[in-house]
């Protein structure tokens, strides 16, 4: 869809330089910005943001390769009571 948007000259020039430097179009740059902004607002509206729960590790240990989740869970909680 075509539309006309008025923005300040300085913002336009800055955006134009970024688009040229990154080898993209103004359209792509504007669409990316709008998508990010709308996503942030949607996340704020929902009031929940999942925190990163990653850790540095070696991944799944070889003895658990192909194991069922119930077996892995049972071993993880082994000796911790019931």
PDB file of N, CA and C in Angstrom:
ATOM      1  N   UNK A   1       0.851  -1.165   0.000  1.00  0.00           N
ATOM      2  CA  UNK A   1       0.000   0.000   0.000  1.00  0.00           C
ATOM      3  C   UNK A   1       0.902   1.235   0.000  1.00  0.00           C
ATOM      4  N   UNK A   2       0.540   2.202  -0.778  1.00  0.00           N
ATOM      5  CA  UNK A   2       1.289   3.459  -0.810  1.00  0.00           C
ATOM      6  C   UNK A   2       0.658   4.440   0.150  1.00  0.00           C
ATOM      7  N   UNK A   3       1.520   5.201   0.800  1.00  0.00           N
ATOM      8  CA  UNK A   3       1.045   6.244   1.698  1.00  0.00           C
ATOM      9  C   UNK A   3       2.104   7.334   1.782  1.00  0.00           C
ATOM     10  N   UNK A   4       1.730   8.472   2.281  1.00  0.00           N
ATOM     11  CA  UNK A   4       2.666   9.574   2.457  1.00  0.00           C
ATOM     12  C   UNK A   4       2.787   9.857   3.943  1.00  0.00           C
ATOM     13  N   UNK A   5       4.020   9.957   4.405  1.00  0.00           N
ATOM     14  CA  UNK A   5       4.276  10.234   5.813  1.00  0.00           C
ATOM     15  C   UNK A   5       5.226  11.413   5.883  1.00  0.00           C
ATOM     16  N   UNK A   6       4.912  12.372   6.736  1.00  0.00           N
ATOM     17  CA  UNK A   6       5.800  13.512   6.923  1.00  0.00           C
ATOM     18  C   UNK A   6       6.688  13.261   8.130  1.00  0.00           C
ATOM     19  N   UNK A   7       8.011  13.323   7.918  1.00  0.00           N
ATOM     20  CA  UNK A   7       8.971  13.202   9.008  1.00  0.00           C
ATOM     21  C   UNK A   7       9.963  14.346   8.901  1.00  0.00           C
ATOM     22  N   UNK A   8      10.679  14.571   9.975  1.00  0.00           N
ATOM     23  CA  UNK A   8      11.635  15.678   9.971  1.00  0.00           C
ATOM     24  C   UNK A   8      12.754  15.412   8.963  1.00  0.00           C
ATOM     25  N   UNK A   9      13.320  16.491   8.454  1.00  0.00           N
ATOM     26  CA  UNK A   9      14.410  16.375   7.481  1.00  0.00           C
ATOM     27  C   UNK A   9      15.601  15.616   8.068  1.00  0.00           C
ATOM     28  N   UNK A  10      15.936  15.909   9.324  1.00  0.00           N
ATOM     29  CA  UNK A  10      17.106  15.266   9.930  1.00  0.00           C
ATOM     30  C   UNK A  10      16.889  13.760  10.092  1.00  0.00           C
ATOM     31  N   UNK A  11      15.683  13.355  10.478  1.00  0.00           N
ATOM     32  CA  UNK A  11      15.381  11.930  10.622  1.00  0.00           C
ATOM     33  C   UNK A  11      15.430  11.244   9.261  1.00  0.00           C
ATOM     34  N   UNK A  12      14.894  11.894   8.254  1.00  0.00           N
ATOM     35  CA  UNK A  12      14.914  11.344   6.903  1.00  0.00           C
ATOM     36  C   UNK A  12      16.352  11.140   6.422  1.00  0.00           C
ATOM     37  N   UNK A  13      17.184  12.152   6.620  1.00  0.00           N
ATOM     38  CA  UNK A  13      18.581  12.060   6.173  1.00  0.00           C
ATOM     39  C   UNK A  13      19.324  10.952   6.905  1.00  0.00           C
ATOM     40  N   UNK A  14      19.085  10.837   8.207  1.00  0.00           N
ATOM     41  CA  UNK A  14      19.737   9.775   8.982  1.00  0.00           C
ATOM     42  C   UNK A  14      19.300   8.405   8.477  1.00  0.00           C
ATOM     43  N   UNK A  15      18.023   8.242   8.253  1.00  0.00           N
ATOM     44  CA  UNK A  15      17.492   6.963   7.768  1.00  0.00           C
ATOM     45  C   UNK A  15      18.033   6.650   6.378  1.00  0.00           C
ATOM     46  N   UNK A  16      18.110   7.648   5.541  1.00  0.00           N
ATOM     47  CA  UNK A  16      18.612   7.466   4.183  1.00  0.00           C
ATOM     48  C   UNK A  16      20.073   6.988   4.211  1.00  0.00           C
ATOM     49  N   UNK A  17      20.874   7.567   5.099  1.00  0.00           N
ATOM     50  CA  UNK A  17      22.285   7.161   5.220  1.00  0.00           C
ATOM     51  C   UNK A  17      22.397   5.715   5.696  1.00  0.00           C
ATOM     52  N   UNK A  18      21.579   5.340   6.670  1.00  0.00           N
ATOM     53  CA  UNK A  18      21.605   3.964   7.171  1.00  0.00           C
ATOM     54  C   UNK A  18      21.199   3.000   6.058  1.00  0.00           C
ATOM     55  N   UNK A  19      20.150   3.325   5.343  1.00  0.00           N
ATOM     56  CA  UNK A  19      19.683   2.467   4.253  1.00  0.00           C
ATOM     57  C   UNK A  19      20.776   2.291   3.201  1.00  0.00           C
ATOM     58  N   UNK A  20      21.448   3.361   2.843  1.00  0.00           N
ATOM     59  CA  UNK A  20      22.517   3.279   1.841  1.00  0.00           C
ATOM     60  C   UNK A  20      23.684   2.445   2.359  1.00  0.00           C
ATOM     61  N   UNK A  21      24.060   2.684   3.616  1.00  0.00           N
ATOM     62  CA  UNK A  21      25.193   1.972   4.206  1.00  0.00           C
ATOM     63  C   UNK A  21      24.904   0.466   4.299  1.00  0.00           C
ATOM     64  N   UNK A  22      23.653   0.109   4.601  1.00  0.00           N
ATOM     65  CA  UNK A  22      23.295  -1.298   4.765  1.00  0.00           C
ATOM     66  C   UNK A  22      22.807  -1.941   3.472  1.00  0.00           C
ATOM     67  N   UNK A  23      22.765  -1.152   2.405  1.00  0.00           N
ATOM     68  CA  UNK A  23      22.349  -1.693   1.108  1.00  0.00           C
ATOM     69  C   UNK A  23      20.897  -2.132   1.091  1.00  0.00           C
ATOM     70  N   UNK A  24      20.046  -1.362   1.731  1.00  0.00           N
ATOM     71  CA  UNK A  24      18.626  -1.685   1.776  1.00  0.00           C
ATOM     72  C   UNK A  24      17.828  -0.473   1.321  1.00  0.00           C
ATOM     73  N   UNK A  25      16.545  -0.624   1.266  1.00  0.00           N
ATOM     74  CA  UNK A  25      15.701   0.488   0.821  1.00  0.00           C
ATOM     75  C   UNK A  25      15.117   1.212   2.025  1.00  0.00           C
ATOM     76  N   UNK A  26      14.661   2.432   1.787  1.00  0.00           N
ATOM     77  CA  UNK A  26      13.980   3.190   2.831  1.00  0.00           C
ATOM     78  C   UNK A  26      12.723   2.437   3.253  1.00  0.00           C
ATOM     79  N   UNK A  27      12.035   1.859   2.294  1.00  0.00           N
ATOM     80  CA  UNK A  27      10.820   1.108   2.595  1.00  0.00           C
ATOM     81  C   UNK A  27      11.116  -0.017   3.581  1.00  0.00           C
ATOM     82  N   UNK A  28      12.168  -0.811   3.295  1.00  0.00           N
ATOM     83  CA  UNK A  28      12.524  -1.928   4.170  1.00  0.00           C
ATOM     84  C   UNK A  28      12.904  -1.435   5.560  1.00  0.00           C
ATOM     85  N   UNK A  29      13.631  -0.336   5.615  1.00  0.00           N
ATOM     86  CA  UNK A  29      14.054   0.233   6.896  1.00  0.00           C
ATOM     87  C   UNK A  29      12.840   0.702   7.710  1.00  0.00           C
ATOM     88  N   UNK A  30      11.923   1.379   7.068  1.00  0.00           N
ATOM     89  CA  UNK A  30      10.714   1.871   7.744  1.00  0.00           C
ATOM     90  C   UNK A  30       9.851   0.700   8.203  1.00  0.00           C
ATOM     91  N   UNK A  31       9.688  -0.316   7.354  1.00  0.00           N
ATOM     92  CA  UNK A  31       8.882  -1.471   7.733  1.00  0.00           C
ATOM     93  C   UNK A  31       9.493  -2.201   8.928  1.00  0.00           C
ATOM     94  N   UNK A  32      10.815  -2.349   8.923  1.00  0.00           N
ATOM     95  CA  UNK A  32      11.493  -3.006  10.048  1.00  0.00           C
ATOM     96  C   UNK A  32      11.270  -2.224  11.340  1.00  0.00           C
ATOM     97  N   UNK A  33      11.410  -0.915  11.259  1.00  0.00           N
ATOM     98  CA  UNK A  33      11.193  -0.075  12.433  1.00  0.00           C
ATOM     99  C   UNK A  33       9.780  -0.172  12.972  1.00  0.00           C
ATOM    100  N   UNK A  34       8.807  -0.143  12.078  1.00  0.00           N
ATOM    101  CA  UNK A  34       7.410  -0.264  12.505  1.00  0.00           C
ATOM    102  C   UNK A  34       7.123  -1.630  13.119  1.00  0.00           C
ATOM    103  N   UNK A  35       7.670  -2.687  12.513  1.00  0.00           N
ATOM    104  CA  UNK A  35       7.461  -4.021  13.071  1.00  0.00           C
ATOM    105  C   UNK A  35       8.028  -4.129  14.478  1.00  0.00           C
ATOM    106  N   UNK A  36       9.238  -3.597  14.669  1.00  0.00           N
ATOM    107  CA  UNK A  36       9.853  -3.639  16.002  1.00  0.00           C
ATOM    108  C   UNK A  36       9.030  -2.853  17.012  1.00  0.00           C
ATOM    109  N   UNK A  37       8.644  -1.655  16.656  1.00  0.00           N
ATOM    110  CA  UNK A  37       7.871  -0.812  17.562  1.00  0.00           C
ATOM    111  C   UNK A  37       6.538  -1.462  17.918  1.00  0.00           C
ATOM    112  N   UNK A  38       5.843  -1.982  16.924  1.00  0.00           N
ATOM    113  CA  UNK A  38       4.556  -2.625  17.190  1.00  0.00           C
ATOM    114  C   UNK A  38       4.733  -3.876  18.048  1.00  0.00           C
ATOM    115  N   UNK A  39       5.799  -4.619  17.814  1.00  0.00           N
ATOM    116  CA  UNK A  39       6.088  -5.800  18.630  1.00  0.00           C
ATOM    117  C   UNK A  39       6.366  -5.435  20.074  1.00  0.00           C
ATOM    118  N   UNK A  40       7.150  -4.381  20.295  1.00  0.00           N
ATOM    119  CA  UNK A  40       7.451  -3.920  21.652  1.00  0.00           C
ATOM    120  C   UNK A  40       6.188  -3.478  22.361  1.00  0.00           C
ATOM    121  N   UNK A  41       5.353  -2.748  21.673  1.00  0.00           N
ATOM    122  CA  UNK A  41       4.106  -2.271  22.295  1.00  0.00           C
ATOM    123  C   UNK A  41       3.166  -3.428  22.601  1.00  0.00           C
ATOM    124  N   UNK A  42       3.121  -4.408  21.720  1.00  0.00           N
ATOM    125  CA  UNK A  42       2.280  -5.580  21.953  1.00  0.00           C
ATOM    126  C   UNK A  42       2.783  -6.329  23.185  1.00  0.00           C
ATOM    127  N   UNK A  43       4.111  -6.461  23.293  1.00  0.00           N
ATOM    128  CA  UNK A  43       4.692  -7.158  24.442  1.00  0.00           C
ATOM    129  C   UNK A  43       4.398  -6.404  25.733  1.00  0.00           C
ATOM    130  N   UNK A  44       4.506  -5.080  25.705  1.00  0.00           N
ATOM    131  CA  UNK A  44       4.215  -4.266  26.888  1.00  0.00           C
ATOM    132  C   UNK A  44       2.755  -4.387  27.283  1.00  0.00           C
ATOM    133  N   UNK A  45       1.894  -4.391  26.293  1.00  0.00           N
ATOM    134  CA  UNK A  45       0.461  -4.485  26.548  1.00  0.00           C
ATOM    135  C   UNK A  45       0.127  -5.812  27.220  1.00  0.00           C
ATOM    136  N   UNK A  46       0.804  -6.865  26.785  1.00  0.00           N
ATOM    137  CA  UNK A  46       0.571  -8.180  27.368  1.00  0.00           C
ATOM    138  C   UNK A  46       1.130  -8.278  28.782  1.00  0.00           C
ATOM    139  N   UNK A  47       2.090  -7.432  29.110  1.00  0.00           N
ATOM    140  CA  UNK A  47       2.632  -7.385  30.463  1.00  0.00           C
ATOM    141  C   UNK A  47       3.541  -8.538  30.839  1.00  0.00           C
ATOM    142  N   UNK A  48       3.907  -9.376  29.906  1.00  0.00           N
ATOM    143  CA  UNK A  48       4.769 -10.502  30.217  1.00  0.00           C
ATOM    144  C   UNK A  48       5.875 -10.599  29.187  1.00  0.00           C
ATOM    145  N   UNK A  49       7.083 -10.747  29.678  1.00  0.00           N
ATOM    146  CA  UNK A  49       8.206 -10.935  28.777  1.00  0.00           C
ATOM    147  C   UNK A  49       9.022 -12.103  29.311  1.00  0.00           C
ATOM    148  N   UNK A  50       9.181 -13.110  28.487  1.00  0.00           N
ATOM    149  CA  UNK A  50       9.921 -14.292  28.883  1.00  0.00           C
ATOM    150  C   UNK A  50      11.398 -13.939  28.965  1.00  0.00           C
ATOM    151  N   UNK A  51      11.978 -14.184  30.117  1.00  0.00           N
ATOM    152  CA  UNK A  51      13.401 -13.904  30.276  1.00  0.00           C
ATOM    153  C   UNK A  51      14.225 -15.021  29.663  1.00  0.00           C
ATOM    154  N   UNK A  52      15.421 -14.702  29.309  1.00  0.00           N
ATOM    155  CA  UNK A  52      16.316 -15.687  28.734  1.00  0.00           C
ATOM    156  C   UNK A  52      16.728 -16.669  29.827  1.00  0.00           C
ATOM    157  N   UNK A  53      16.596 -17.953  29.565  1.00  0.00           N
ATOM    158  CA  UNK A  53      16.964 -18.976  30.535  1.00  0.00           C
ATOM    159  C   UNK A  53      18.056 -19.878  29.968  1.00  0.00           C
ATOM    160  N   UNK A  54      18.857 -19.337  29.089  1.00  0.00           N
ATOM    161  CA  UNK A  54      19.922 -20.127  28.492  1.00  0.00           C
ATOM    162  C   UNK A  54      21.100 -20.220  29.448  1.00  0.00           C
ATOM    163  N   UNK A  55      21.933 -21.181  29.232  1.00  0.00           N
ATOM    164  CA  UNK A  55      23.122 -21.345  30.045  1.00  0.00           C
ATOM    165  C   UNK A  55      24.233 -21.881  29.158  1.00  0.00           C
ATOM    166  N   UNK A  56      25.421 -21.737  29.657  1.00  0.00           N
ATOM    167  CA  UNK A  56      26.568 -22.243  28.897  1.00  0.00           C
ATOM    168  C   UNK A  56      26.808 -23.678  29.321  1.00  0.00           C
ATOM    169  N   UNK A  57      26.686 -24.572  28.409  1.00  0.00           N
ATOM    170  CA  UNK A  57      26.875 -25.978  28.723  1.00  0.00           C
ATOM    171  C   UNK A  57      27.256 -26.758  27.491  1.00  0.00           C
ATOM    172  N   UNK A  58      27.333 -28.022  27.669  1.00  0.00           N
ATOM    173  CA  UNK A  58      27.731 -28.914  26.587  1.00  0.00           C
ATOM    174  C   UNK A  58      26.535 -29.533  25.884  1.00  0.00           C
ATOM    175  N   UNK A  59      25.316 -29.160  26.316  1.00  0.00           N
ATOM    176  CA  UNK A  59      24.138 -29.752  25.716  1.00  0.00           C
ATOM    177  C   UNK A  59      23.781 -31.065  26.384  1.00  0.00           C
ATOM    178  N   UNK A  60      23.007 -31.866  25.719  1.00  0.00           N
ATOM    179  CA  UNK A  60      22.547 -33.135  26.253  1.00  0.00           C
ATOM    180  C   UNK A  60      23.719 -34.097  26.386  1.00  0.00           C
ATOM    181  N   UNK A  61      23.824 -34.731  27.542  1.00  0.00           N
ATOM    182  CA  UNK A  61      24.903 -35.693  27.781  1.00  0.00           C
ATOM    183  C   UNK A  61      24.675 -36.945  26.933  1.00  0.00           C
ATOM    184  N   UNK A  62      25.751 -37.597  26.502  1.00  0.00           N
ATOM    185  CA  UNK A  62      25.629 -38.749  25.596  1.00  0.00           C
ATOM    186  C   UNK A  62      24.715 -39.853  26.117  1.00  0.00           C
ATOM    187  N   UNK A  63      24.717 -40.102  27.431  1.00  0.00           N
ATOM    188  CA  UNK A  63      23.897 -41.199  27.959  1.00  0.00           C
ATOM    189  C   UNK A  63      22.394 -40.929  27.863  1.00  0.00           C
ATOM    190  N   UNK A  64      22.027 -39.666  27.588  1.00  0.00           N
ATOM    191  CA  UNK A  64      20.612 -39.319  27.460  1.00  0.00           C
ATOM    192  C   UNK A  64      20.169 -39.179  26.001  1.00  0.00           C
ATOM    193  N   UNK A  65      21.070 -39.382  25.091  1.00  0.00           N
ATOM    194  CA  UNK A  65      20.743 -39.285  23.670  1.00  0.00           C
ATOM    195  C   UNK A  65      19.658 -40.295  23.331  1.00  0.00           C
ATOM    196  N   UNK A  66      18.538 -39.812  22.839  1.00  0.00           N
ATOM    197  CA  UNK A  66      17.434 -40.679  22.456  1.00  0.00           C
ATOM    198  C   UNK A  66      16.538 -41.104  23.609  1.00  0.00           C
ATOM    199  N   UNK A  67      16.851 -40.653  24.832  1.00  0.00           N
ATOM    200  CA  UNK A  67      16.044 -41.030  25.993  1.00  0.00           C
ATOM    201  C   UNK A  67      14.714 -40.283  25.989  1.00  0.00           C
ATOM    202  N   UNK A  68      13.721 -40.876  26.627  1.00  0.00           N
ATOM    203  CA  UNK A  68      12.425 -40.238  26.789  1.00  0.00           C
ATOM    204  C   UNK A  68      12.518 -39.180  27.886  1.00  0.00           C
ATOM    205  N   UNK A  69      11.688 -38.120  27.768  1.00  0.00           N
ATOM    206  CA  UNK A  69      11.701 -37.046  28.746  1.00  0.00           C
ATOM    207  C   UNK A  69      11.410 -37.567  30.151  1.00  0.00           C
ATOM    208  N   UNK A  70      10.535 -38.539  30.289  1.00  0.00           N
ATOM    209  CA  UNK A  70      10.212 -39.085  31.619  1.00  0.00           C
ATOM    210  C   UNK A  70      11.442 -39.698  32.272  1.00  0.00           C
ATOM    211  N   UNK A  71      12.289 -40.368  31.491  1.00  0.00           N
ATOM    212  CA  UNK A  71      13.517 -40.950  32.032  1.00  0.00           C
ATOM    213  C   UNK A  71      14.506 -39.864  32.451  1.00  0.00           C
ATOM    214  N   UNK A  72      14.639 -38.838  31.632  1.00  0.00           N
ATOM    215  CA  UNK A  72      15.549 -37.733  31.949  1.00  0.00           C
ATOM    216  C   UNK A  72      15.081 -37.030  33.220  1.00  0.00           C
ATOM    217  N   UNK A  73      13.780 -36.773  33.331  1.00  0.00           N
ATOM    218  CA  UNK A  73      13.234 -36.098  34.507  1.00  0.00           C
ATOM    219  C   UNK A  73      13.428 -36.946  35.760  1.00  0.00           C
ATOM    220  N   UNK A  74      13.183 -38.239  35.654  1.00  0.00           N
ATOM    221  CA  UNK A  74      13.348 -39.134  36.795  1.00  0.00           C
ATOM    222  C   UNK A  74      14.792 -39.096  37.296  1.00  0.00           C
ATOM    223  N   UNK A  75      15.762 -39.122  36.377  1.00  0.00           N
ATOM    224  CA  UNK A  75      17.181 -39.066  36.768  1.00  0.00           C
ATOM    225  C   UNK A  75      17.545 -37.710  37.367  1.00  0.00           C
ATOM    226  N   UNK A  76      16.956 -36.635  36.844  1.00  0.00           N
ATOM    227  CA  UNK A  76      17.260 -35.293  37.365  1.00  0.00           C
ATOM    228  C   UNK A  76      16.789 -35.130  38.804  1.00  0.00           C
ATOM    229  N   UNK A  77      15.657 -35.756  39.143  1.00  0.00           N
ATOM    230  CA  UNK A  77      15.090 -35.606  40.480  1.00  0.00           C
ATOM    231  C   UNK A  77      15.442 -36.781  41.407  1.00  0.00           C
ATOM    232  N   UNK A  78      16.245 -37.700  40.929  1.00  0.00           N
ATOM    233  CA  UNK A  78      16.629 -38.862  41.713  1.00  0.00           C
ATOM    234  C   UNK A  78      17.286 -38.434  43.027  1.00  0.00           C
ATOM    235  N   UNK A  79      16.784 -38.969  44.131  1.00  0.00           N
ATOM    236  CA  UNK A  79      17.373 -38.659  45.442  1.00  0.00           C
ATOM    237  C   UNK A  79      16.877 -37.350  46.053  1.00  0.00           C
ATOM    238  N   UNK A  80      15.893 -36.716  45.453  1.00  0.00           N
ATOM    239  CA  UNK A  80      15.359 -35.439  45.969  1.00  0.00           C
ATOM    240  C   UNK A  80      14.010 -35.611  46.639  1.00  0.00           C
ATOM    241  N   UNK A  81      13.645 -36.824  47.018  1.00  0.00           N
ATOM    242  CA  UNK A  81      12.375 -37.063  47.695  1.00  0.00           C
ATOM    243  C   UNK A  81      11.231 -37.157  46.712  1.00  0.00           C
ATOM    244  N   UNK A  82      10.068 -37.394  47.257  1.00  0.00           N
ATOM    245  CA  UNK A  82       8.887 -37.534  46.396  1.00  0.00           C
ATOM    246  C   UNK A  82       7.800 -36.631  46.821  1.00  0.00           C
TER     247      UNK A  82
END
